[in-house]
């Protein structure tokens, strides 16, 4: 089937749907387009961005079992 034939049939079928289902069809088409787009990796943040601006203190008597750590 050619692209033109697919588009013609899709528009014909879309025109027969009630507005709510036509919106669902449009949402699905937009989902397919978004899924097909290449994903852009987030920018890499430099390490040490907060160096000297925050601290973390862990108490000497801090203890956790493997079960607690794994939430078993």
PDB file of N, CA and C in Angstrom:
ATOM      1  N   UNK A   1       0.852  -1.167   0.000  1.00  0.00           N
ATOM      2  CA  UNK A   1       0.000   0.000   0.000  1.00  0.00           C
ATOM      3  C   UNK A   1       0.906   1.242   0.000  1.00  0.00           C
ATOM      4  N   UNK A   2       0.589   2.196  -0.812  1.00  0.00           N
ATOM      5  CA  UNK A   2       1.395   3.413  -0.893  1.00  0.00           C
ATOM      6  C   UNK A   2       1.076   4.337   0.279  1.00  0.00           C
ATOM      7  N   UNK A   3       1.977   5.258   0.516  1.00  0.00           N
ATOM      8  CA  UNK A   3       1.763   6.213   1.617  1.00  0.00           C
ATOM      9  C   UNK A   3       0.497   7.030   1.389  1.00  0.00           C
ATOM     10  N   UNK A   4       0.273   7.443   0.146  1.00  0.00           N
ATOM     11  CA  UNK A   4      -0.927   8.222  -0.170  1.00  0.00           C
ATOM     12  C   UNK A   4      -2.187   7.419   0.114  1.00  0.00           C
ATOM     13  N   UNK A   5      -2.181   6.151  -0.229  1.00  0.00           N
ATOM     14  CA  UNK A   5      -3.345   5.297   0.021  1.00  0.00           C
ATOM     15  C   UNK A   5      -3.566   5.130   1.529  1.00  0.00           C
ATOM     16  N   UNK A   6      -2.487   4.975   2.274  1.00  0.00           N
ATOM     17  CA  UNK A   6      -2.600   4.840   3.733  1.00  0.00           C
ATOM     18  C   UNK A   6      -3.174   6.117   4.328  1.00  0.00           C
ATOM     19  N   UNK A   7      -2.651   7.268   3.907  1.00  0.00           N
ATOM     20  CA  UNK A   7      -3.135   8.542   4.439  1.00  0.00           C
ATOM     21  C   UNK A   7      -4.608   8.751   4.103  1.00  0.00           C
ATOM     22  N   UNK A   8      -5.008   8.411   2.873  1.00  0.00           N
ATOM     23  CA  UNK A   8      -6.401   8.570   2.461  1.00  0.00           C
ATOM     24  C   UNK A   8      -7.309   7.686   3.300  1.00  0.00           C
ATOM     25  N   UNK A   9      -6.908   6.429   3.490  1.00  0.00           N
ATOM     26  CA  UNK A   9      -7.728   5.517   4.279  1.00  0.00           C
ATOM     27  C   UNK A   9      -7.768   5.950   5.743  1.00  0.00           C
ATOM     28  N   UNK A  10      -6.641   6.395   6.270  1.00  0.00           N
ATOM     29  CA  UNK A  10      -6.604   6.838   7.667  1.00  0.00           C
ATOM     30  C   UNK A  10      -7.512   8.047   7.885  1.00  0.00           C
ATOM     31  N   UNK A  11      -7.460   9.008   6.981  1.00  0.00           N
ATOM     32  CA  UNK A  11      -8.327  10.182   7.110  1.00  0.00           C
ATOM     33  C   UNK A  11      -9.795   9.807   6.975  1.00  0.00           C
ATOM     34  N   UNK A  12     -10.098   8.869   6.085  1.00  0.00           N
ATOM     35  CA  UNK A  12     -11.473   8.410   5.906  1.00  0.00           C
ATOM     36  C   UNK A  12     -11.981   7.752   7.194  1.00  0.00           C
ATOM     37  N   UNK A  13     -11.156   6.880   7.772  1.00  0.00           N
ATOM     38  CA  UNK A  13     -11.555   6.203   9.006  1.00  0.00           C
ATOM     39  C   UNK A  13     -11.637   7.196  10.164  1.00  0.00           C
ATOM     40  N   UNK A  14     -10.711   8.143  10.227  1.00  0.00           N
ATOM     41  CA  UNK A  14     -10.697   9.140  11.286  1.00  0.00           C
ATOM     42  C   UNK A  14     -11.957  10.002  11.249  1.00  0.00           C
ATOM     43  N   UNK A  15     -12.414  10.333  10.064  1.00  0.00           N
ATOM     44  CA  UNK A  15     -13.607  11.174   9.932  1.00  0.00           C
ATOM     45  C   UNK A  15     -14.865  10.457  10.406  1.00  0.00           C
ATOM     46  N   UNK A  16     -14.835   9.148  10.499  1.00  0.00           N
ATOM     47  CA  UNK A  16     -16.002   8.373  10.941  1.00  0.00           C
ATOM     48  C   UNK A  16     -16.042   8.173  12.454  1.00  0.00           C
ATOM     49  N   UNK A  17     -14.979   8.541  13.141  1.00  0.00           N
ATOM     50  CA  UNK A  17     -14.927   8.347  14.589  1.00  0.00           C
ATOM     51  C   UNK A  17     -15.573   9.513  15.323  1.00  0.00           C
ATOM     52  N   UNK A  18     -16.124   9.228  16.518  1.00  0.00           N
ATOM     53  CA  UNK A  18     -16.593  10.332  17.360  1.00  0.00           C
ATOM     54  C   UNK A  18     -15.379  11.142  17.840  1.00  0.00           C
ATOM     55  N   UNK A  19     -15.604  12.394  18.237  1.00  0.00           N
ATOM     56  CA  UNK A  19     -14.490  13.267  18.604  1.00  0.00           C
ATOM     57  C   UNK A  19     -13.536  12.682  19.652  1.00  0.00           C
ATOM     58  N   UNK A  20     -14.081  11.990  20.660  1.00  0.00           N
ATOM     59  CA  UNK A  20     -13.224  11.428  21.712  1.00  0.00           C
ATOM     60  C   UNK A  20     -12.261  10.390  21.139  1.00  0.00           C
ATOM     61  N   UNK A  21     -12.759   9.532  20.260  1.00  0.00           N
ATOM     62  CA  UNK A  21     -11.898   8.506  19.669  1.00  0.00           C
ATOM     63  C   UNK A  21     -10.948   9.106  18.643  1.00  0.00           C
ATOM     64  N   UNK A  22     -11.374  10.149  17.959  1.00  0.00           N
ATOM     65  CA  UNK A  22     -10.473  10.838  17.025  1.00  0.00           C
ATOM     66  C   UNK A  22      -9.304  11.449  17.792  1.00  0.00           C
ATOM     67  N   UNK A  23      -9.582  11.994  18.986  1.00  0.00           N
ATOM     68  CA  UNK A  23      -8.516  12.541  19.815  1.00  0.00           C
ATOM     69  C   UNK A  23      -7.559  11.448  20.268  1.00  0.00           C
ATOM     70  N   UNK A  24      -8.107  10.278  20.610  1.00  0.00           N
ATOM     71  CA  UNK A  24      -7.260   9.146  20.996  1.00  0.00           C
ATOM     72  C   UNK A  24      -6.353   8.733  19.838  1.00  0.00           C
ATOM     73  N   UNK A  25      -6.906   8.717  18.630  1.00  0.00           N
ATOM     74  CA  UNK A  25      -6.113   8.360  17.454  1.00  0.00           C
ATOM     75  C   UNK A  25      -4.989   9.371  17.244  1.00  0.00           C
ATOM     76  N   UNK A  26      -5.290  10.644  17.403  1.00  0.00           N
ATOM     77  CA  UNK A  26      -4.266  11.677  17.270  1.00  0.00           C
ATOM     78  C   UNK A  26      -3.201  11.530  18.352  1.00  0.00           C
ATOM     79  N   UNK A  27      -3.627  11.264  19.578  1.00  0.00           N
ATOM     80  CA  UNK A  27      -2.668  11.058  20.669  1.00  0.00           C
ATOM     81  C   UNK A  27      -1.744   9.891  20.354  1.00  0.00           C
ATOM     82  N   UNK A  28      -2.278   8.816  19.793  1.00  0.00           N
ATOM     83  CA  UNK A  28      -1.468   7.652  19.449  1.00  0.00           C
ATOM     84  C   UNK A  28      -0.462   7.992  18.347  1.00  0.00           C
ATOM     85  N   UNK A  29      -0.896   8.756  17.364  1.00  0.00           N
ATOM     86  CA  UNK A  29       0.015   9.167  16.288  1.00  0.00           C
ATOM     87  C   UNK A  29       1.154  10.010  16.852  1.00  0.00           C
ATOM     88  N   UNK A  30       0.820  10.928  17.747  1.00  0.00           N
ATOM     89  CA  UNK A  30       1.854  11.764  18.365  1.00  0.00           C
ATOM     90  C   UNK A  30       2.802  10.933  19.225  1.00  0.00           C
ATOM     91  N   UNK A  31       2.262   9.907  19.908  1.00  0.00           N
ATOM     92  CA  UNK A  31       3.094   9.001  20.684  1.00  0.00           C
ATOM     93  C   UNK A  31       4.071   8.262  19.773  1.00  0.00           C
ATOM     94  N   UNK A  32       3.596   7.768  18.648  1.00  0.00           N
ATOM     95  CA  UNK A  32       4.462   7.054  17.708  1.00  0.00           C
ATOM     96  C   UNK A  32       5.573   7.960  17.185  1.00  0.00           C
ATOM     97  N   UNK A  33       5.237   9.207  16.882  1.00  0.00           N
ATOM     98  CA  UNK A  33       6.253  10.150  16.401  1.00  0.00           C
ATOM     99  C   UNK A  33       7.291  10.434  17.473  1.00  0.00           C
ATOM    100  N   UNK A  34       6.839  10.617  18.714  1.00  0.00           N
ATOM    101  CA  UNK A  34       7.764  10.907  19.805  1.00  0.00           C
ATOM    102  C   UNK A  34       8.681   9.719  20.066  1.00  0.00           C
ATOM    103  N   UNK A  35       8.133   8.514  19.972  1.00  0.00           N
ATOM    104  CA  UNK A  35       8.926   7.317  20.205  1.00  0.00           C
ATOM    105  C   UNK A  35       9.977   7.124  19.123  1.00  0.00           C
ATOM    106  N   UNK A  36       9.690   7.575  17.925  1.00  0.00           N
ATOM    107  CA  UNK A  36      10.608   7.403  16.802  1.00  0.00           C
ATOM    108  C   UNK A  36      11.747   8.414  16.808  1.00  0.00           C
ATOM    109  N   UNK A  37      11.591   9.512  17.548  1.00  0.00           N
ATOM    110  CA  UNK A  37      12.620  10.548  17.571  1.00  0.00           C
ATOM    111  C   UNK A  37      13.804  10.074  18.402  1.00  0.00           C
ATOM    112  N   UNK A  38      15.009  10.386  17.958  1.00  0.00           N
ATOM    113  CA  UNK A  38      16.174   9.985  18.751  1.00  0.00           C
ATOM    114  C   UNK A  38      16.183  10.709  20.090  1.00  0.00           C
ATOM    115  N   UNK A  39      16.567   9.990  21.118  1.00  0.00           N
ATOM    116  CA  UNK A  39      16.615  10.580  22.449  1.00  0.00           C
ATOM    117  C   UNK A  39      17.914  11.353  22.617  1.00  0.00           C
ATOM    118  N   UNK A  40      17.786  12.514  23.190  1.00  0.00           N
ATOM    119  CA  UNK A  40      18.944  13.359  23.425  1.00  0.00           C
ATOM    120  C   UNK A  40      19.395  13.139  24.862  1.00  0.00           C
ATOM    121  N   UNK A  41      20.651  12.813  25.031  1.00  0.00           N
ATOM    122  CA  UNK A  41      21.183  12.589  26.372  1.00  0.00           C
ATOM    123  C   UNK A  41      21.238  13.911  27.121  1.00  0.00           C
ATOM    124  N   UNK A  42      20.934  13.868  28.407  1.00  0.00           N
ATOM    125  CA  UNK A  42      21.026  15.112  29.186  1.00  0.00           C
ATOM    126  C   UNK A  42      22.462  15.588  29.232  1.00  0.00           C
ATOM    127  N   UNK A  43      22.670  16.882  29.404  1.00  0.00           N
ATOM    128  CA  UNK A  43      24.041  17.387  29.453  1.00  0.00           C
ATOM    129  C   UNK A  43      24.786  16.794  30.647  1.00  0.00           C
ATOM    130  N   UNK A  44      26.049  16.558  30.468  1.00  0.00           N
ATOM    131  CA  UNK A  44      26.876  15.999  31.527  1.00  0.00           C
ATOM    132  C   UNK A  44      27.269  17.114  32.494  1.00  0.00           C
ATOM    133  N   UNK A  45      27.003  16.877  33.759  1.00  0.00           N
ATOM    134  CA  UNK A  45      27.357  17.866  34.770  1.00  0.00           C
ATOM    135  C   UNK A  45      28.763  17.577  35.260  1.00  0.00           C
ATOM    136  N   UNK A  46      29.556  18.593  35.469  1.00  0.00           N
ATOM    137  CA  UNK A  46      30.917  18.367  35.962  1.00  0.00           C
ATOM    138  C   UNK A  46      30.898  17.850  37.396  1.00  0.00           C
ATOM    139  N   UNK A  47      31.833  16.971  37.695  1.00  0.00           N
ATOM    140  CA  UNK A  47      31.951  16.460  39.055  1.00  0.00           C
ATOM    141  C   UNK A  47      32.464  17.565  39.969  1.00  0.00           C
ATOM    142  N   UNK A  48      32.068  17.497  41.211  1.00  0.00           N
ATOM    143  CA  UNK A  48      32.546  18.473  42.185  1.00  0.00           C
ATOM    144  C   UNK A  48      31.834  19.803  42.110  1.00  0.00           C
ATOM    145  N   UNK A  49      30.672  19.826  41.521  1.00  0.00           N
ATOM    146  CA  UNK A  49      29.936  21.071  41.346  1.00  0.00           C
ATOM    147  C   UNK A  49      29.629  21.753  42.686  1.00  0.00           C
ATOM    148  N   UNK A  50      29.378  20.946  43.722  1.00  0.00           N
ATOM    149  CA  UNK A  50      29.032  21.487  45.039  1.00  0.00           C
ATOM    150  C   UNK A  50      30.203  21.402  46.021  1.00  0.00           C
ATOM    151  N   UNK A  51      31.398  21.142  45.535  1.00  0.00           N
ATOM    152  CA  UNK A  51      32.556  21.000  46.420  1.00  0.00           C
ATOM    153  C   UNK A  51      32.702  22.239  47.302  1.00  0.00           C
ATOM    154  N   UNK A  52      32.843  21.972  48.605  1.00  0.00           N
ATOM    155  CA  UNK A  52      33.031  23.059  49.554  1.00  0.00           C
ATOM    156  C   UNK A  52      31.745  23.765  49.958  1.00  0.00           C
ATOM    157  N   UNK A  53      30.614  23.374  49.398  1.00  0.00           N
ATOM    158  CA  UNK A  53      29.352  24.052  49.701  1.00  0.00           C
ATOM    159  C   UNK A  53      28.404  23.207  50.540  1.00  0.00           C
ATOM    160  N   UNK A  54      28.721  21.925  50.731  1.00  0.00           N
ATOM    161  CA  UNK A  54      27.847  21.050  51.504  1.00  0.00           C
ATOM    162  C   UNK A  54      28.704  20.043  52.256  1.00  0.00           C
ATOM    163  N   UNK A  55      28.162  19.557  53.367  1.00  0.00           N
ATOM    164  CA  UNK A  55      28.863  18.538  54.134  1.00  0.00           C
ATOM    165  C   UNK A  55      27.902  17.429  54.494  1.00  0.00           C
ATOM    166  N   UNK A  56      28.476  16.287  54.831  1.00  0.00           N
ATOM    167  CA  UNK A  56      27.683  15.141  55.259  1.00  0.00           C
ATOM    168  C   UNK A  56      28.451  14.456  56.382  1.00  0.00           C
ATOM    169  N   UNK A  57      27.797  14.252  57.493  1.00  0.00           N
ATOM    170  CA  UNK A  57      28.439  13.606  58.628  1.00  0.00           C
ATOM    171  C   UNK A  57      27.677  12.325  58.932  1.00  0.00           C
ATOM    172  N   UNK A  58      28.392  11.205  58.993  1.00  0.00           N
ATOM    173  CA  UNK A  58      27.792   9.919  59.362  1.00  0.00           C
ATOM    174  C   UNK A  58      28.335   9.565  60.738  1.00  0.00           C
ATOM    175  N   UNK A  59      27.433   9.309  61.663  1.00  0.00           N
ATOM    176  CA  UNK A  59      27.816   9.028  63.048  1.00  0.00           C
ATOM    177  C   UNK A  59      28.693   7.791  63.120  1.00  0.00           C
ATOM    178  N   UNK A  60      29.612   7.798  64.088  1.00  0.00           N
ATOM    179  CA  UNK A  60      30.528   6.678  64.286  1.00  0.00           C
ATOM    180  C   UNK A  60      29.770   5.387  64.588  1.00  0.00           C
ATOM    181  N   UNK A  61      28.646   5.502  65.309  1.00  0.00           N
ATOM    182  CA  UNK A  61      27.903   4.308  65.697  1.00  0.00           C
ATOM    183  C   UNK A  61      26.829   3.915  64.677  1.00  0.00           C
ATOM    184  N   UNK A  62      26.880   4.497  63.497  1.00  0.00           N
ATOM    185  CA  UNK A  62      25.901   4.165  62.459  1.00  0.00           C
ATOM    186  C   UNK A  62      26.133   2.733  62.007  1.00  0.00           C
ATOM    187  N   UNK A  63      25.073   1.953  62.007  1.00  0.00           N
ATOM    188  CA  UNK A  63      25.173   0.562  61.560  1.00  0.00           C
ATOM    189  C   UNK A  63      23.890   0.193  60.834  1.00  0.00           C
ATOM    190  N   UNK A  64      24.029  -0.565  59.793  1.00  0.00           N
ATOM    191  CA  UNK A  64      22.873  -1.047  59.055  1.00  0.00           C
ATOM    192  C   UNK A  64      23.177  -2.471  58.607  1.00  0.00           C
ATOM    193  N   UNK A  65      22.187  -3.333  58.758  1.00  0.00           N
ATOM    194  CA  UNK A  65      22.370  -4.721  58.329  1.00  0.00           C
ATOM    195  C   UNK A  65      22.114  -4.815  56.829  1.00  0.00           C
ATOM    196  N   UNK A  66      22.569  -5.900  56.237  1.00  0.00           N
ATOM    197  CA  UNK A  66      22.308  -6.113  54.811  1.00  0.00           C
ATOM    198  C   UNK A  66      20.813  -6.158  54.536  1.00  0.00           C
ATOM    199  N   UNK A  67      20.043  -6.763  55.463  1.00  0.00           N
ATOM    200  CA  UNK A  67      18.584  -6.857  55.280  1.00  0.00           C
ATOM    201  C   UNK A  67      17.945  -5.474  55.297  1.00  0.00           C
ATOM    202  N   UNK A  68      18.394  -4.632  56.234  1.00  0.00           N
ATOM    203  CA  UNK A  68      17.864  -3.265  56.290  1.00  0.00           C
ATOM    204  C   UNK A  68      18.218  -2.491  55.052  1.00  0.00           C
ATOM    205  N   UNK A  69      19.432  -2.681  54.580  1.00  0.00           N
ATOM    206  CA  UNK A  69      19.886  -1.968  53.390  1.00  0.00           C
ATOM    207  C   UNK A  69      19.066  -2.368  52.168  1.00  0.00           C
ATOM    208  N   UNK A  70      18.748  -3.637  52.059  1.00  0.00           N
ATOM    209  CA  UNK A  70      18.005  -4.145  50.903  1.00  0.00           C
ATOM    210  C   UNK A  70      16.497  -4.109  51.116  1.00  0.00           C
ATOM    211  N   UNK A  71      16.065  -3.615  52.270  1.00  0.00           N
ATOM    212  CA  UNK A  71      14.629  -3.499  52.596  1.00  0.00           C
ATOM    213  C   UNK A  71      13.919  -4.838  52.460  1.00  0.00           C
ATOM    214  N   UNK A  72      14.527  -5.900  52.992  1.00  0.00           N
ATOM    215  CA  UNK A  72      13.918  -7.230  52.914  1.00  0.00           C
ATOM    216  C   UNK A  72      12.912  -7.418  53.970  1.00  0.00           C
TER     217      UNK A  72
END
